[in-house]
Full PDB file with SEQRES, HELIX, SHEET, SSBOND, CRYST1, ORIGX, SCALE, CONECT and MASTER records, all heavy atoms in Angstrom:
SEQRES   1 A   34  TYR ALA ALA GLY LEU ILE THR ALA GLU ASP PHE VAL TYR          
SEQRES   2 A   34  ILE ASP ALA GLY THR THR THR GLU ARG MET ILE ASP TYR          
SEQRES   3 A   34  ILE ALA ASN ARG GLN ALA VAL PHE                              
HELIX    1 AA1 ALA A    3  LEU A    5  5                                   3    
HELIX    2 AA2 THR A   18  MET A   23  1                                   6    
HELIX    3 AA3 ILE A   24  TYR A   26  5                                   3    
CRYST1    1.000    1.000    1.000  90.00  90.00  90.00 P 1           1          
ORIGX1      1.000000  0.000000  0.000000        0.00000                         
ORIGX2      0.000000  1.000000  0.000000        0.00000                         
ORIGX3      0.000000  0.000000  1.000000        0.00000                         
SCALE1      1.000000  0.000000  0.000000        0.00000                         
SCALE2      0.000000  1.000000  0.000000        0.00000                         
SCALE3      0.000000  0.000000  1.000000        0.00000                         
ATOM      1  N   TYR A   1     101.575 105.423  99.544  1.00  0.00           N  
ATOM      2  CA  TYR A   1     101.080 106.287  98.457  1.00  0.00           C  
ATOM      3  C   TYR A   1     100.512 105.428  97.318  1.00  0.00           C  
ATOM      4  O   TYR A   1      99.430 105.704  96.797  1.00  0.00           O  
ATOM      5  CB  TYR A   1     102.206 107.175  97.941  1.00  0.00           C  
ATOM      6  CG  TYR A   1     101.763 108.133  96.859  1.00  0.00           C  
ATOM      7  CD1 TYR A   1     101.323 109.416  97.176  1.00  0.00           C  
ATOM      8  CD2 TYR A   1     101.753 107.746  95.521  1.00  0.00           C  
ATOM      9  CE1 TYR A   1     100.893 110.290  96.191  1.00  0.00           C  
ATOM     10  CE2 TYR A   1     101.322 108.607  94.529  1.00  0.00           C  
ATOM     11  CZ  TYR A   1     100.893 109.875  94.866  1.00  0.00           C  
ATOM     12  OH  TYR A   1     100.467 110.741  93.881  1.00  0.00           O  
ATOM     13  N   ALA A   2     101.257 104.411  96.926  1.00  0.00           N  
ATOM     14  CA  ALA A   2     100.821 103.556  95.821  1.00  0.00           C  
ATOM     15  C   ALA A   2      99.488 102.890  96.128  1.00  0.00           C  
ATOM     16  O   ALA A   2      98.592 102.835  95.270  1.00  0.00           O  
ATOM     17  CB  ALA A   2     101.887 102.504  95.536  1.00  0.00           C  
ATOM     18  N   ALA A   3      99.320 102.400  97.338  1.00  0.00           N  
ATOM     19  CA  ALA A   3      98.071 101.736  97.722  1.00  0.00           C  
ATOM     20  C   ALA A   3      96.888 102.688  97.629  1.00  0.00           C  
ATOM     21  O   ALA A   3      95.767 102.282  97.290  1.00  0.00           O  
ATOM     22  CB  ALA A   3      98.189 101.182  99.135  1.00  0.00           C  
ATOM     23  N   GLY A   4      97.134 103.954  97.901  1.00  0.00           N  
ATOM     24  CA  GLY A   4      96.071 104.956  97.840  1.00  0.00           C  
ATOM     25  C   GLY A   4      95.569 105.243  96.437  1.00  0.00           C  
ATOM     26  O   GLY A   4      94.521 105.885  96.264  1.00  0.00           O  
ATOM     27  N   LEU A   5      96.279 104.774  95.422  1.00  0.00           N  
ATOM     28  CA  LEU A   5      95.863 104.986  94.029  1.00  0.00           C  
ATOM     29  C   LEU A   5      94.814 103.969  93.573  1.00  0.00           C  
ATOM     30  O   LEU A   5      94.183 104.148  92.546  1.00  0.00           O  
ATOM     31  CB  LEU A   5      97.085 104.885  93.100  1.00  0.00           C  
ATOM     32  CG  LEU A   5      98.198 105.915  93.320  1.00  0.00           C  
ATOM     33  CD1 LEU A   5      99.390 105.582  92.424  1.00  0.00           C  
ATOM     34  CD2 LEU A   5      97.689 107.325  93.012  1.00  0.00           C  
ATOM     35  N   ILE A   6      94.631 102.922  94.349  1.00  0.00           N  
ATOM     36  CA  ILE A   6      93.717 101.841  93.959  1.00  0.00           C  
ATOM     37  C   ILE A   6      92.285 102.196  94.331  1.00  0.00           C  
ATOM     38  O   ILE A   6      91.998 102.592  95.463  1.00  0.00           O  
ATOM     39  CB  ILE A   6      94.130 100.523  94.644  1.00  0.00           C  
ATOM     40  CG1 ILE A   6      95.526 100.101  94.170  1.00  0.00           C  
ATOM     41  CG2 ILE A   6      93.118  99.417  94.356  1.00  0.00           C  
ATOM     42  CD1 ILE A   6      96.097  98.918  94.923  1.00  0.00           C  
ATOM     43  N   THR A   7      91.387 102.052  93.364  1.00  0.00           N  
ATOM     44  CA  THR A   7      89.961 102.297  93.592  1.00  0.00           C  
ATOM     45  C   THR A   7      89.195 100.980  93.546  1.00  0.00           C  
ATOM     46  O   THR A   7      89.733  99.941  93.128  1.00  0.00           O  
ATOM     47  CB  THR A   7      89.385 103.251  92.531  1.00  0.00           C  
ATOM     48  OG1 THR A   7      89.394 102.580  91.253  1.00  0.00           O  
ATOM     49  CG2 THR A   7      90.213 104.532  92.435  1.00  0.00           C  
ATOM     50  N   ALA A   8      87.944 101.036  93.944  1.00  0.00           N  
ATOM     51  CA  ALA A   8      87.122  99.821  94.014  1.00  0.00           C  
ATOM     52  C   ALA A   8      86.922  99.176  92.648  1.00  0.00           C  
ATOM     53  O   ALA A   8      86.723  97.958  92.550  1.00  0.00           O  
ATOM     54  CB  ALA A   8      85.769 100.164  94.639  1.00  0.00           C  
ATOM     55  N   GLU A   9      86.981  99.972  91.591  1.00  0.00           N  
ATOM     56  CA  GLU A   9      86.711  99.452  90.247  1.00  0.00           C  
ATOM     57  C   GLU A   9      87.946  98.895  89.552  1.00  0.00           C  
ATOM     58  O   GLU A   9      87.856  98.392  88.428  1.00  0.00           O  
ATOM     59  CB  GLU A   9      86.121 100.563  89.366  1.00  0.00           C  
ATOM     60  CG  GLU A   9      84.763 101.080  89.808  1.00  0.00           C  
ATOM     61  CD  GLU A   9      84.865 102.053  90.984  1.00  0.00           C  
ATOM     62  OE1 GLU A   9      85.958 102.637  91.162  1.00  0.00           O  
ATOM     63  OE2 GLU A   9      83.881 102.201  91.722  1.00  0.00           O  
ATOM     64  N   ASP A  10      89.104  98.973  90.177  1.00  0.00           N  
ATOM     65  CA  ASP A  10      90.344  98.603  89.502  1.00  0.00           C  
ATOM     66  C   ASP A  10      90.554  97.099  89.400  1.00  0.00           C  
ATOM     67  O   ASP A  10      90.155  96.320  90.278  1.00  0.00           O  
ATOM     68  CB  ASP A  10      91.554  99.217  90.221  1.00  0.00           C  
ATOM     69  CG  ASP A  10      91.779 100.668  89.826  1.00  0.00           C  
ATOM     70  OD1 ASP A  10      91.608 100.980  88.631  1.00  0.00           O  
ATOM     71  OD2 ASP A  10      92.150 101.473  90.702  1.00  0.00           O  
ATOM     72  N   PHE A  11      91.216  96.710  88.313  1.00  0.00           N  
ATOM     73  CA  PHE A  11      91.723  95.352  88.109  1.00  0.00           C  
ATOM     74  C   PHE A  11      93.238  95.494  88.140  1.00  0.00           C  
ATOM     75  O   PHE A  11      93.838  96.027  87.212  1.00  0.00           O  
ATOM     76  CB  PHE A  11      91.228  94.796  86.774  1.00  0.00           C  
ATOM     77  CG  PHE A  11      91.615  93.368  86.523  1.00  0.00           C  
ATOM     78  CD1 PHE A  11      91.561  92.410  87.523  1.00  0.00           C  
ATOM     79  CD2 PHE A  11      92.028  92.967  85.262  1.00  0.00           C  
ATOM     80  CE1 PHE A  11      91.905  91.090  87.283  1.00  0.00           C  
ATOM     81  CE2 PHE A  11      92.373  91.647  85.008  1.00  0.00           C  
ATOM     82  CZ  PHE A  11      92.311  90.707  86.022  1.00  0.00           C  
ATOM     83  N   VAL A  12      93.869  95.035  89.209  1.00  0.00           N  
ATOM     84  CA  VAL A  12      95.236  95.442  89.561  1.00  0.00           C  
ATOM     85  C   VAL A  12      96.237  94.302  89.437  1.00  0.00           C  
ATOM     86  O   VAL A  12      95.988  93.184  89.912  1.00  0.00           O  
ATOM     87  CB  VAL A  12      95.276  95.969  91.017  1.00  0.00           C  
ATOM     88  CG1 VAL A  12      96.684  96.459  91.373  1.00  0.00           C  
ATOM     89  CG2 VAL A  12      94.250  97.073  91.218  1.00  0.00           C  
ATOM     90  N   TYR A  13      97.386  94.612  88.835  1.00  0.00           N  
ATOM     91  CA  TYR A  13      98.503  93.677  88.846  1.00  0.00           C  
ATOM     92  C   TYR A  13      99.519  94.144  89.882  1.00  0.00           C  
ATOM     93  O   TYR A  13      99.900  95.319  89.910  1.00  0.00           O  
ATOM     94  CB  TYR A  13      99.188  93.606  87.482  1.00  0.00           C  
ATOM     95  CG  TYR A  13     100.327  92.607  87.468  1.00  0.00           C  
ATOM     96  CD1 TYR A  13     100.072  91.244  87.345  1.00  0.00           C  
ATOM     97  CD2 TYR A  13     101.652  93.014  87.609  1.00  0.00           C  
ATOM     98  CE1 TYR A  13     101.088  90.318  87.356  1.00  0.00           C  
ATOM     99  CE2 TYR A  13     102.685  92.090  87.631  1.00  0.00           C  
ATOM    100  CZ  TYR A  13     102.407  90.740  87.495  1.00  0.00           C  
ATOM    101  OH  TYR A  13     103.425  89.826  87.521  1.00  0.00           O  
ATOM    102  N   ILE A  14      99.960  93.225  90.751  1.00  0.00           N  
ATOM    103  CA  ILE A  14     100.993  93.531  91.733  1.00  0.00           C  
ATOM    104  C   ILE A  14     102.168  92.588  91.524  1.00  0.00           C  
ATOM    105  O   ILE A  14     102.051  91.374  91.704  1.00  0.00           O  
ATOM    106  CB  ILE A  14     100.472  93.434  93.184  1.00  0.00           C  
ATOM    107  CG1 ILE A  14      99.308  94.410  93.397  1.00  0.00           C  
ATOM    108  CG2 ILE A  14     101.602  93.743  94.162  1.00  0.00           C  
ATOM    109  CD1 ILE A  14      98.805  94.460  94.832  1.00  0.00           C  
ATOM    110  N   ASP A  15     103.280  93.152  91.139  1.00  0.00           N  
ATOM    111  CA  ASP A  15     104.501  92.420  90.861  1.00  0.00           C  
ATOM    112  C   ASP A  15     105.147  91.912  92.152  1.00  0.00           C  
ATOM    113  O   ASP A  15     104.964  92.500  93.222  1.00  0.00           O  
ATOM    114  CB  ASP A  15     105.461  93.386  90.142  1.00  0.00           C  
ATOM    115  CG  ASP A  15     106.765  92.747  89.726  1.00  0.00           C  
ATOM    116  OD1 ASP A  15     106.758  91.565  89.349  1.00  0.00           O  
ATOM    117  OD2 ASP A  15     107.792  93.445  89.755  1.00  0.00           O  
ATOM    118  N   ALA A  16     105.910  90.828  92.062  1.00  0.00           N  
ATOM    119  CA  ALA A  16     106.684  90.368  93.207  1.00  0.00           C  
ATOM    120  C   ALA A  16     107.691  91.436  93.616  1.00  0.00           C  
ATOM    121  O   ALA A  16     108.218  92.159  92.776  1.00  0.00           O  
ATOM    122  CB  ALA A  16     107.410  89.064  92.855  1.00  0.00           C  
ATOM    123  N   GLY A  17     107.949  91.559  94.914  1.00  0.00           N  
ATOM    124  CA  GLY A  17     108.910  92.552  95.383  1.00  0.00           C  
ATOM    125  C   GLY A  17     108.623  92.973  96.805  1.00  0.00           C  
ATOM    126  O   GLY A  17     107.496  92.797  97.302  1.00  0.00           O  
ATOM    127  N   THR A  18     109.612  93.532  97.458  1.00  0.00           N  
ATOM    128  CA  THR A  18     109.445  93.894  98.868  1.00  0.00           C  
ATOM    129  C   THR A  18     108.607  95.153  99.056  1.00  0.00           C  
ATOM    130  O   THR A  18     107.837  95.251 100.015  1.00  0.00           O  
ATOM    131  CB  THR A  18     110.814  94.077  99.540  1.00  0.00           C  
ATOM    132  OG1 THR A  18     111.591  95.037  98.810  1.00  0.00           O  
ATOM    133  CG2 THR A  18     111.581  92.760  99.567  1.00  0.00           C  
ATOM    134  N   THR A  19     108.735  96.120  98.150  1.00  0.00           N  
ATOM    135  CA  THR A  19     107.935  97.345  98.278  1.00  0.00           C  
ATOM    136  C   THR A  19     106.495  97.090  97.865  1.00  0.00           C  
ATOM    137  O   THR A  19     105.555  97.576  98.505  1.00  0.00           O  
ATOM    138  CB  THR A  19     108.528  98.492  97.450  1.00  0.00           C  
ATOM    139  OG1 THR A  19     109.929  98.610  97.732  1.00  0.00           O  
ATOM    140  CG2 THR A  19     107.845  99.820  97.797  1.00  0.00           C  
ATOM    141  N   THR A  20     106.300  96.302  96.815  1.00  0.00           N  
ATOM    142  CA  THR A  20     104.930  95.964  96.401  1.00  0.00           C  
ATOM    143  C   THR A  20     104.230  95.163  97.490  1.00  0.00           C  
ATOM    144  O   THR A  20     103.020  95.298  97.695  1.00  0.00           O  
ATOM    145  CB  THR A  20     104.929  95.186  95.081  1.00  0.00           C  
ATOM    146  OG1 THR A  20     105.825  94.062  95.173  1.00  0.00           O  
ATOM    147  CG2 THR A  20     105.352  96.072  93.910  1.00  0.00           C  
ATOM    148  N   GLU A  21     104.976  94.328  98.200  1.00  0.00           N  
ATOM    149  CA  GLU A  21     104.377  93.569  99.298  1.00  0.00           C  
ATOM    150  C   GLU A  21     103.875  94.507 100.401  1.00  0.00           C  
ATOM    151  O   GLU A  21     102.798  94.298 100.977  1.00  0.00           O  
ATOM    152  CB  GLU A  21     105.385  92.591  99.894  1.00  0.00           C  
ATOM    153  CG  GLU A  21     104.811  91.761 101.037  1.00  0.00           C  
ATOM    154  CD  GLU A  21     105.846  90.878 101.710  1.00  0.00           C  
ATOM    155  OE1 GLU A  21     107.050  91.079 101.483  1.00  0.00           O  
ATOM    156  OE2 GLU A  21     105.435  89.996 102.485  1.00  0.00           O  
ATOM    157  N   ARG A  22     104.629  95.554 100.692  1.00  0.00           N  
ATOM    158  CA  ARG A  22     104.228  96.497 101.743  1.00  0.00           C  
ATOM    159  C   ARG A  22     102.944  97.232 101.381  1.00  0.00           C  
ATOM    160  O   ARG A  22     102.202  97.673 102.253  1.00  0.00           O  
ATOM    161  CB  ARG A  22     105.339  97.515 101.986  1.00  0.00           C  
ATOM    162  CG  ARG A  22     106.562  96.921 102.674  1.00  0.00           C  
ATOM    163  CD  ARG A  22     107.706  97.929 102.684  1.00  0.00           C  
ATOM    164  NE  ARG A  22     108.931  97.295 103.117  1.00  0.00           N  
ATOM    165  CZ  ARG A  22     109.497  97.473 104.297  1.00  0.00           C  
ATOM    166  NH1 ARG A  22     108.931  98.283 105.167  1.00  0.00           N  
ATOM    167  NH2 ARG A  22     110.621  96.876 104.619  1.00  0.00           N  
ATOM    168  N   MET A  23     102.673  97.384 100.084  1.00  0.00           N  
ATOM    169  CA  MET A  23     101.443  98.035  99.630  1.00  0.00           C  
ATOM    170  C   MET A  23     100.203  97.391 100.235  1.00  0.00           C  
ATOM    171  O   MET A  23      99.220  98.070 100.547  1.00  0.00           O  
ATOM    172  CB  MET A  23     101.304  97.921  98.104  1.00  0.00           C  
ATOM    173  CG  MET A  23     102.063  98.895  97.261  1.00  0.00           C  
ATOM    174  SD  MET A  23     101.678  98.559  95.526  1.00  0.00           S  
ATOM    175  CE  MET A  23      99.910  98.861  95.496  1.00  0.00           C  
ATOM    176  N   ILE A  24     100.245  96.072 100.336  1.00  0.00           N  
ATOM    177  CA  ILE A  24      99.049  95.313 100.688  1.00  0.00           C  
ATOM    178  C   ILE A  24      98.481  95.738 102.036  1.00  0.00           C  
ATOM    179  O   ILE A  24      97.257  95.799 102.232  1.00  0.00           O  
ATOM    180  CB  ILE A  24      99.353  93.801 100.644  1.00  0.00           C  
ATOM    181  CG1 ILE A  24      99.773  93.405  99.219  1.00  0.00           C  
ATOM    182  CG2 ILE A  24      98.142  92.990 101.092  1.00  0.00           C  
ATOM    183  CD1 ILE A  24     100.353  92.002  99.099  1.00  0.00           C  
ATOM    184  N   ASP A  25      99.342  96.070 102.982  1.00  0.00           N  
ATOM    185  CA  ASP A  25      98.884  96.508 104.305  1.00  0.00           C  
ATOM    186  C   ASP A  25      98.107  97.823 104.252  1.00  0.00           C  
ATOM    187  O   ASP A  25      97.338  98.125 105.160  1.00  0.00           O  
ATOM    188  CB  ASP A  25     100.078  96.679 105.244  1.00  0.00           C  
ATOM    189  CG  ASP A  25     100.708  95.349 105.627  1.00  0.00           C  
ATOM    190  OD1 ASP A  25      99.974  94.346 105.680  1.00  0.00           O  
ATOM    191  OD2 ASP A  25     101.935  95.323 105.849  1.00  0.00           O  
ATOM    192  N   TYR A  26      98.324  98.604 103.193  1.00  0.00           N  
ATOM    193  CA  TYR A  26      97.707  99.930 103.095  1.00  0.00           C  
ATOM    194  C   TYR A  26      96.533  99.988 102.117  1.00  0.00           C  
ATOM    195  O   TYR A  26      95.940 101.055 101.929  1.00  0.00           O  
ATOM    196  CB  TYR A  26      98.762 100.962 102.674  1.00  0.00           C  
ATOM    197  CG  TYR A  26      99.911 101.084 103.635  1.00  0.00           C  
ATOM    198  CD1 TYR A  26     101.200 100.731 103.253  1.00  0.00           C  
ATOM    199  CD2 TYR A  26      99.722 101.541 104.938  1.00  0.00           C  
ATOM    200  CE1 TYR A  26     102.275 100.853 104.131  1.00  0.00           C  
ATOM    201  CE2 TYR A  26     100.784 101.658 105.824  1.00  0.00           C  
ATOM    202  CZ  TYR A  26     102.053 101.311 105.411  1.00  0.00           C  
ATOM    203  OH  TYR A  26     103.109 101.423 106.290  1.00  0.00           O  
ATOM    204  N   ILE A  27      96.202  98.879 101.490  1.00  0.00           N  
ATOM    205  CA  ILE A  27      95.099  98.879 100.516  1.00  0.00           C  
ATOM    206  C   ILE A  27      93.766  99.003 101.241  1.00  0.00           C  
ATOM    207  O   ILE A  27      93.392  98.140 102.039  1.00  0.00           O  
ATOM    208  CB  ILE A  27      95.129  97.611  99.646  1.00  0.00           C  
ATOM    209  CG1 ILE A  27      96.372  97.617  98.753  1.00  0.00           C  
ATOM    210  CG2 ILE A  27      93.869  97.523  98.788  1.00  0.00           C  
ATOM    211  CD1 ILE A  27      96.579  96.335  97.967  1.00  0.00           C  
ATOM    212  N   ALA A  28      93.058 100.087 100.953  1.00  0.00           N  
ATOM    213  CA  ALA A  28      91.767 100.341 101.602  1.00  0.00           C  
ATOM    214  C   ALA A  28      90.605  99.831 100.741  1.00  0.00           C  
ATOM    215  O   ALA A  28      89.610  99.339 101.264  1.00  0.00           O  
ATOM    216  CB  ALA A  28      91.602 101.833 101.869  1.00  0.00           C  
ATOM    217  N   ASN A  29      90.726  99.963  99.419  1.00  0.00           N  
ATOM    218  CA  ASN A  29      89.653  99.539  98.516  1.00  0.00           C  
ATOM    219  C   ASN A  29      89.814  98.062  98.184  1.00  0.00           C  
ATOM    220  O   ASN A  29      90.424  97.680  97.181  1.00  0.00           O  
ATOM    221  CB  ASN A  29      89.693 100.381  97.230  1.00  0.00           C  
ATOM    222  CG  ASN A  29      89.154 101.770  97.466  1.00  0.00           C  
ATOM    223  OD1 ASN A  29      87.982 101.938  97.786  1.00  0.00           O  
ATOM    224  ND2 ASN A  29      90.005 102.775  97.322  1.00  0.00           N  
ATOM    225  N   ARG A  30      89.254  97.231  99.039  1.00  0.00           N  
ATOM    226  CA  ARG A  30      89.425  95.790  98.873  1.00  0.00           C  
ATOM    227  C   ARG A  30      88.400  95.172  97.940  1.00  0.00           C  
ATOM    228  O   ARG A  30      88.355  93.955  97.766  1.00  0.00           O  
ATOM    229  CB  ARG A  30      89.421  95.123 100.253  1.00  0.00           C  
ATOM    230  CG  ARG A  30      90.626  95.571 101.070  1.00  0.00           C  
ATOM    231  CD  ARG A  30      90.638  95.069 102.481  1.00  0.00           C  
ATOM    232  NE  ARG A  30      91.789  95.627 103.202  1.00  0.00           N  
ATOM    233  CZ  ARG A  30      92.013  95.478 104.488  1.00  0.00           C  
ATOM    234  NH1 ARG A  30      91.151  94.786 105.225  1.00  0.00           N  
ATOM    235  NH2 ARG A  30      93.072  96.011 105.066  1.00  0.00           N  
ATOM    236  N   GLN A  31      87.577  96.030  97.327  1.00  0.00           N  
ATOM    237  CA  GLN A  31      86.647  95.532  96.321  1.00  0.00           C  
ATOM    238  C   GLN A  31      87.361  95.346  94.977  1.00  0.00           C  
ATOM    239  O   GLN A  31      86.830  94.699  94.068  1.00  0.00           O  
ATOM    240  CB  GLN A  31      85.470  96.502  96.134  1.00  0.00           C  
ATOM    241  CG  GLN A  31      84.624  96.710  97.378  1.00  0.00           C  
ATOM    242  CD  GLN A  31      85.169  97.833  98.259  1.00  0.00           C  
ATOM    243  OE1 GLN A  31      86.280  98.313  98.054  1.00  0.00           O  
ATOM    244  NE2 GLN A  31      84.365  98.249  99.240  1.00  0.00           N  
ATOM    245  N   ALA A  32      88.540  95.950  94.840  1.00  0.00           N  
ATOM    246  CA  ALA A  32      89.319  95.769  93.618  1.00  0.00           C  
ATOM    247  C   ALA A  32      89.712  94.301  93.470  1.00  0.00           C  
ATOM    248  O   ALA A  32      89.769  93.558  94.450  1.00  0.00           O  
ATOM    249  CB  ALA A  32      90.566  96.649  93.660  1.00  0.00           C  
ATOM    250  N   VAL A  33      89.988  93.887  92.235  1.00  0.00           N  
ATOM    251  CA  VAL A  33      90.418  92.514  91.963  1.00  0.00           C  
ATOM    252  C   VAL A  33      91.914  92.547  91.649  1.00  0.00           C  
ATOM    253  O   VAL A  33      92.389  93.433  90.936  1.00  0.00           O  
ATOM    254  CB  VAL A  33      89.630  91.903  90.787  1.00  0.00           C  
ATOM    255  CG1 VAL A  33      90.134  90.496  90.474  1.00  0.00           C  
ATOM    256  CG2 VAL A  33      88.140  91.885  91.110  1.00  0.00           C  
ATOM    257  N   PHE A  34      92.662  91.565  92.168  1.00  0.00           N  
ATOM    258  CA  PHE A  34      94.115  91.573  92.059  1.00  0.00           C  
ATOM    259  C   PHE A  34      94.641  90.334  91.362  1.00  0.00           C  
ATOM    260  O   PHE A  34      94.094  89.232  91.499  1.00  0.00           O  
ATOM    261  CB  PHE A  34      94.737  91.659  93.457  1.00  0.00           C  
ATOM    262  CG  PHE A  34      94.379  92.914  94.202  1.00  0.00           C  
ATOM    263  CD1 PHE A  34      93.212  92.970  94.969  1.00  0.00           C  
ATOM    264  CD2 PHE A  34      95.186  94.039  94.137  1.00  0.00           C  
ATOM    265  CE1 PHE A  34      92.867  94.128  95.656  1.00  0.00           C  
ATOM    266  CE2 PHE A  34      94.851  95.190  94.815  1.00  0.00           C  
ATOM    267  CZ  PHE A  34      93.686  95.244  95.577  1.00  0.00           C  
TER     268      PHE A  34                                                      
MASTER        0    0    0    3    0    0    0    6  267    1    0    3          
END                                                                             
């Protein structure tokens, strides 16, 4: 669900953690900057 909130225009911070790590597999908008 969290990964689905990311859009192509976003500048995103991802904190260390096991759930945040799982987000990465579901990120579809890879034009965002992290």
